[in-house]
N, C-alpha and C. Protein backbone atom coordinates (compact mmCIF):
# COMPACT_ATOMS: atom_id res chain seq x y z
N MET A 1 19.30 -60.29 -85.58
CA MET A 1 17.71 -60.64 -85.09
C MET A 1 17.29 -59.92 -83.88
N PRO A 2 16.45 -59.11 -83.84
CA PRO A 2 16.03 -58.67 -82.80
C PRO A 2 15.44 -59.40 -81.42
N LEU A 3 15.78 -58.99 -80.30
CA LEU A 3 15.38 -59.80 -79.06
C LEU A 3 14.22 -59.22 -78.45
N ALA A 4 13.30 -60.08 -77.86
CA ALA A 4 12.11 -59.75 -77.16
C ALA A 4 12.44 -59.59 -75.76
N VAL A 5 11.37 -58.95 -75.06
CA VAL A 5 11.51 -58.97 -73.64
C VAL A 5 10.53 -59.21 -73.02
N GLY A 6 10.43 -60.06 -71.86
CA GLY A 6 9.33 -60.60 -71.38
C GLY A 6 9.56 -60.22 -69.71
N VAL A 7 8.21 -59.54 -69.15
CA VAL A 7 8.42 -59.36 -67.66
C VAL A 7 7.17 -60.08 -66.87
N ILE A 8 7.44 -60.45 -65.95
CA ILE A 8 6.48 -61.07 -64.84
C ILE A 8 6.61 -60.15 -63.62
N GLU A 9 5.32 -59.70 -63.05
CA GLU A 9 5.18 -59.01 -61.74
C GLU A 9 4.44 -59.92 -60.90
N THR A 10 5.08 -60.04 -59.74
CA THR A 10 4.50 -61.09 -58.61
C THR A 10 4.22 -60.32 -57.40
N LEU A 11 3.40 -60.81 -56.69
CA LEU A 11 3.21 -60.42 -55.19
C LEU A 11 4.04 -61.41 -54.28
N GLY A 12 5.17 -61.02 -53.63
CA GLY A 12 6.03 -61.71 -52.69
C GLY A 12 7.09 -62.39 -53.69
N PHE A 13 8.30 -62.71 -52.51
CA PHE A 13 9.75 -62.91 -53.47
C PHE A 13 9.37 -64.47 -53.54
N PRO A 14 8.76 -65.55 -52.89
CA PRO A 14 8.80 -66.85 -53.28
C PRO A 14 8.25 -66.89 -54.99
N ALA A 15 7.34 -66.02 -55.10
CA ALA A 15 6.60 -66.21 -56.38
C ALA A 15 7.48 -65.70 -57.53
N VAL A 16 8.20 -64.61 -57.27
CA VAL A 16 9.01 -64.05 -58.23
C VAL A 16 10.24 -65.14 -58.57
N LEU A 17 10.82 -65.73 -57.31
CA LEU A 17 11.94 -66.48 -57.58
C LEU A 17 11.32 -67.94 -58.33
N ALA A 18 10.15 -68.39 -57.91
CA ALA A 18 9.64 -69.44 -58.84
C ALA A 18 9.45 -69.33 -60.35
N SER A 19 9.23 -68.10 -60.53
CA SER A 19 8.99 -67.60 -61.76
C SER A 19 10.24 -67.34 -62.61
N ALA A 20 11.18 -66.68 -62.02
CA ALA A 20 12.49 -66.78 -62.55
C ALA A 20 13.30 -68.04 -63.03
N ASP A 21 13.06 -69.04 -61.87
CA ASP A 21 13.59 -70.35 -62.22
C ASP A 21 13.09 -70.95 -63.29
N ALA A 22 11.73 -70.89 -63.31
CA ALA A 22 11.07 -71.64 -64.33
C ALA A 22 11.23 -70.97 -65.88
N MET A 23 11.27 -69.36 -65.74
CA MET A 23 11.41 -68.91 -67.33
C MET A 23 13.07 -69.27 -67.68
N VAL A 24 13.88 -69.32 -66.88
CA VAL A 24 15.39 -69.57 -67.34
C VAL A 24 15.42 -71.17 -67.76
N LYS A 25 14.39 -71.98 -67.00
CA LYS A 25 14.62 -73.30 -67.54
C LYS A 25 13.79 -73.69 -68.76
N ALA A 26 12.84 -73.23 -68.99
CA ALA A 26 11.89 -73.29 -69.87
C ALA A 26 12.20 -72.71 -71.68
N GLY A 27 12.79 -71.85 -71.61
CA GLY A 27 13.25 -71.40 -72.61
C GLY A 27 14.64 -70.95 -72.68
N ALA A 28 15.43 -70.52 -74.06
CA ALA A 28 16.63 -69.96 -74.15
C ALA A 28 16.68 -68.51 -73.98
N VAL A 29 16.38 -68.04 -72.72
CA VAL A 29 16.34 -66.93 -72.47
C VAL A 29 17.32 -66.48 -71.40
N THR A 30 17.68 -65.22 -71.14
CA THR A 30 18.58 -64.73 -70.20
C THR A 30 17.78 -63.93 -69.25
N LEU A 31 18.11 -63.73 -68.01
CA LEU A 31 17.65 -62.88 -66.86
C LEU A 31 18.54 -61.66 -66.88
N VAL A 32 17.89 -60.54 -67.28
CA VAL A 32 18.45 -59.29 -67.44
C VAL A 32 18.01 -58.13 -66.23
N TYR A 33 17.01 -58.51 -65.59
CA TYR A 33 16.64 -57.60 -64.62
C TYR A 33 15.66 -58.32 -63.44
N TYR A 34 15.99 -58.04 -62.23
CA TYR A 34 15.20 -58.44 -61.16
C TYR A 34 14.94 -57.08 -60.27
N GLY A 35 13.76 -56.89 -59.63
CA GLY A 35 13.52 -55.52 -58.79
C GLY A 35 12.30 -55.75 -58.11
N ILE A 36 12.21 -54.48 -57.29
CA ILE A 36 10.95 -54.45 -56.51
C ILE A 36 10.25 -53.11 -57.12
N ALA A 37 9.13 -53.43 -57.41
CA ALA A 37 8.12 -52.56 -58.06
C ALA A 37 7.48 -51.57 -56.87
N GLU A 38 6.74 -52.26 -56.02
CA GLU A 38 6.18 -51.27 -54.75
C GLU A 38 5.76 -52.31 -53.77
N SER A 39 5.30 -52.04 -52.60
CA SER A 39 4.53 -52.70 -51.60
C SER A 39 4.52 -54.30 -51.80
N GLY A 40 5.53 -55.02 -51.65
CA GLY A 40 5.67 -56.30 -52.01
C GLY A 40 5.48 -57.01 -53.24
N ARG A 41 5.43 -55.98 -54.28
CA ARG A 41 5.54 -56.60 -55.58
C ARG A 41 6.97 -56.38 -56.34
N LEU A 42 7.11 -57.67 -56.84
CA LEU A 42 8.74 -57.94 -57.32
C LEU A 42 8.33 -57.96 -59.09
N LEU A 43 9.41 -57.74 -59.69
CA LEU A 43 9.33 -58.25 -61.19
C LEU A 43 10.51 -58.79 -61.59
N VAL A 44 10.51 -59.69 -62.69
CA VAL A 44 11.79 -60.01 -63.30
C VAL A 44 11.60 -60.14 -64.59
N ALA A 45 12.69 -59.53 -65.50
CA ALA A 45 12.67 -59.49 -66.84
C ALA A 45 13.91 -60.56 -67.45
N VAL A 46 13.18 -61.22 -68.90
CA VAL A 46 14.28 -62.01 -69.40
C VAL A 46 14.31 -61.27 -70.82
N ARG A 47 15.30 -61.54 -71.60
CA ARG A 47 15.67 -61.40 -73.07
C ARG A 47 15.97 -62.67 -73.71
N GLY A 48 15.59 -62.68 -74.85
CA GLY A 48 15.58 -63.76 -75.77
C GLY A 48 15.03 -63.66 -77.25
N HIS A 49 15.02 -64.50 -78.10
CA HIS A 49 14.16 -64.62 -79.19
C HIS A 49 12.62 -64.69 -78.74
N THR A 50 11.83 -64.10 -79.50
CA THR A 50 10.39 -64.03 -79.45
C THR A 50 9.64 -65.39 -78.73
N ALA A 51 9.81 -66.48 -79.63
CA ALA A 51 9.19 -67.67 -79.22
C ALA A 51 9.80 -68.25 -78.28
N GLU A 52 11.14 -68.13 -77.74
CA GLU A 52 11.66 -68.53 -76.57
C GLU A 52 11.11 -67.63 -75.15
N VAL A 53 10.70 -66.64 -75.44
CA VAL A 53 10.40 -65.66 -74.58
C VAL A 53 8.97 -65.96 -74.36
N LYS A 54 8.13 -66.23 -75.29
CA LYS A 54 6.85 -66.56 -74.94
C LYS A 54 6.81 -67.84 -74.11
N ILE A 55 7.45 -69.12 -74.46
CA ILE A 55 7.45 -70.14 -73.86
C ILE A 55 7.84 -69.89 -72.28
N ALA A 56 8.88 -69.26 -72.13
CA ALA A 56 9.59 -68.71 -70.90
C ALA A 56 8.32 -68.06 -69.71
N VAL A 57 7.88 -67.08 -70.49
CA VAL A 57 6.82 -66.27 -69.65
C VAL A 57 5.80 -67.16 -69.30
N ALA A 58 5.25 -68.07 -70.09
CA ALA A 58 3.96 -69.01 -69.65
C ALA A 58 4.50 -69.75 -68.80
N ALA A 59 5.68 -70.59 -68.66
CA ALA A 59 6.22 -71.11 -67.53
C ALA A 59 6.42 -70.53 -66.45
N GLY A 60 6.81 -69.18 -66.30
CA GLY A 60 7.04 -68.57 -65.17
C GLY A 60 5.77 -67.99 -64.82
N ILE A 61 4.72 -67.87 -65.44
CA ILE A 61 3.32 -67.39 -64.67
C ILE A 61 2.73 -68.78 -64.21
N GLU A 62 2.86 -69.84 -64.83
CA GLU A 62 2.51 -71.20 -64.39
C GLU A 62 3.25 -71.47 -62.73
N ALA A 63 4.44 -71.36 -62.92
CA ALA A 63 5.27 -71.54 -61.61
C ALA A 63 4.91 -70.49 -60.43
N GLY A 64 4.86 -69.13 -60.61
CA GLY A 64 4.43 -68.20 -59.96
C GLY A 64 3.18 -68.43 -59.28
N SER A 65 2.33 -68.82 -59.86
CA SER A 65 0.90 -68.78 -59.64
C SER A 65 0.63 -70.28 -58.54
N GLN A 66 1.61 -71.11 -58.47
CA GLN A 66 1.46 -72.24 -57.90
C GLN A 66 2.01 -72.44 -56.48
N VAL A 67 2.92 -71.08 -56.17
CA VAL A 67 3.60 -70.76 -55.00
C VAL A 67 2.37 -70.55 -53.90
N HIS A 68 2.61 -71.05 -52.72
CA HIS A 68 1.64 -70.85 -51.61
C HIS A 68 1.81 -69.58 -51.22
N GLY A 69 0.75 -68.84 -51.44
CA GLY A 69 0.83 -67.26 -50.82
C GLY A 69 1.30 -66.11 -51.94
N GLY A 70 1.82 -66.85 -53.04
CA GLY A 70 2.16 -65.98 -54.17
C GLY A 70 1.33 -65.86 -54.85
N LYS A 71 1.29 -64.50 -55.68
CA LYS A 71 0.60 -64.36 -56.93
C LYS A 71 1.18 -63.71 -57.94
N VAL A 72 0.72 -63.84 -59.32
CA VAL A 72 1.41 -63.33 -60.42
C VAL A 72 0.22 -62.19 -60.58
N ILE A 73 0.72 -61.01 -60.56
CA ILE A 73 -0.23 -59.81 -60.95
C ILE A 73 -0.30 -59.52 -62.24
N THR A 74 0.83 -59.25 -62.99
CA THR A 74 0.58 -59.18 -64.45
C THR A 74 2.13 -59.59 -65.26
N HIS A 75 1.87 -59.72 -66.42
CA HIS A 75 2.87 -59.98 -67.58
C HIS A 75 2.82 -59.20 -68.68
N TYR A 76 3.92 -59.13 -69.25
CA TYR A 76 3.79 -58.75 -70.71
C TYR A 76 5.12 -59.20 -71.45
N ILE A 77 5.02 -58.90 -72.74
CA ILE A 77 6.05 -59.26 -73.39
C ILE A 77 6.15 -58.14 -74.65
N VAL A 78 7.48 -57.79 -75.08
CA VAL A 78 7.62 -56.72 -76.15
C VAL A 78 8.52 -57.23 -77.21
N ASN A 79 8.10 -57.66 -78.32
CA ASN A 79 8.58 -58.44 -79.24
C ASN A 79 9.97 -57.74 -79.80
N ASN A 80 10.07 -56.34 -80.00
CA ASN A 80 11.30 -55.76 -80.42
C ASN A 80 11.27 -54.21 -79.90
N PRO A 81 11.67 -54.15 -78.60
CA PRO A 81 11.72 -52.81 -78.10
C PRO A 81 12.62 -52.21 -79.02
N PRO A 82 12.39 -50.91 -79.14
CA PRO A 82 12.89 -49.79 -79.89
C PRO A 82 14.26 -49.25 -79.01
N GLU A 83 15.33 -48.82 -79.75
CA GLU A 83 16.65 -48.54 -79.07
C GLU A 83 16.27 -47.42 -77.94
N ASN A 84 15.67 -46.38 -78.11
CA ASN A 84 15.28 -45.47 -76.94
C ASN A 84 14.58 -46.29 -75.82
N VAL A 85 13.84 -47.07 -75.94
CA VAL A 85 13.34 -47.94 -74.78
C VAL A 85 14.31 -48.91 -74.08
N GLU A 86 15.24 -49.46 -74.91
CA GLU A 86 16.23 -50.02 -74.20
C GLU A 86 17.27 -49.44 -73.29
N ASN A 87 17.30 -47.89 -74.09
CA ASN A 87 18.29 -47.13 -73.45
C ASN A 87 17.82 -46.60 -71.97
N VAL A 88 16.50 -46.42 -71.84
CA VAL A 88 16.01 -45.83 -70.81
C VAL A 88 15.59 -46.90 -69.52
N LEU A 89 14.92 -48.08 -70.10
CA LEU A 89 14.51 -49.05 -69.04
C LEU A 89 15.76 -50.26 -69.08
N PRO A 90 15.77 -50.70 -67.64
CA PRO A 90 16.88 -51.69 -67.22
C PRO A 90 16.56 -53.03 -68.00
N ILE A 91 16.70 -53.27 -69.39
CA ILE A 91 16.41 -54.43 -69.99
C ILE A 91 17.54 -54.85 -70.82
N GLN A 92 18.57 -54.12 -70.47
CA GLN A 92 19.73 -54.38 -71.49
C GLN A 92 20.67 -55.40 -70.80
N PHE A 93 21.39 -56.16 -71.63
CA PHE A 93 22.57 -57.17 -70.88
C PHE A 93 23.63 -56.35 -70.30
N ASN A 94 24.02 -56.72 -69.02
CA ASN A 94 24.97 -55.81 -68.35
C ASN A 94 26.03 -57.08 -67.92
N LYS A 95 26.91 -56.38 -67.08
CA LYS A 95 28.25 -57.27 -66.82
C LYS A 95 27.54 -58.54 -65.97
N LYS A 96 26.54 -58.45 -65.24
CA LYS A 96 26.26 -59.74 -64.48
C LYS A 96 25.40 -60.49 -65.52
N SER A 97 24.79 -60.15 -66.57
CA SER A 97 23.96 -61.15 -67.31
C SER A 97 24.70 -61.33 -68.59
N GLU A 98 25.66 -60.77 -69.16
CA GLU A 98 26.46 -60.73 -70.16
C GLU A 98 26.87 -62.38 -70.34
N PRO A 99 27.58 -62.86 -69.26
CA PRO A 99 28.19 -64.30 -69.41
C PRO A 99 27.34 -65.15 -69.55
N PHE A 100 25.87 -65.14 -69.12
CA PHE A 100 24.92 -66.03 -69.48
C PHE A 100 23.85 -65.82 -70.68
N ARG A 101 24.34 -64.76 -71.54
CA ARG A 101 23.54 -64.53 -72.81
C ARG A 101 23.38 -65.60 -73.67
N ILE A 102 22.18 -65.78 -73.78
CA ILE A 102 21.84 -66.93 -75.21
C ILE A 102 21.64 -66.08 -76.52
N THR A 103 22.40 -66.25 -77.47
CA THR A 103 21.88 -65.65 -78.83
C THR A 103 21.76 -66.64 -79.86
């Protein structure tokens, strides 16, 4: 079964931390990427089954929005990213995320 990817972009580290924490607690997803976008914007990506990713992203948006001084800028879910997208973008499971992979 193909896995979806969900990404949340926030302004400030506390918001992205709260979002990531809420996402992995709310749904059966694996955190596969965390990085800096630009000028204080950070993003976090999770992978899992589509229904779980939707639940996780909703929880992440709620948690990131409640952080003092933090702000959720944008979010998106790709239900079944094609192989060429997976090969180019950092959304694949890697050595750090593989032990936590939920399938």
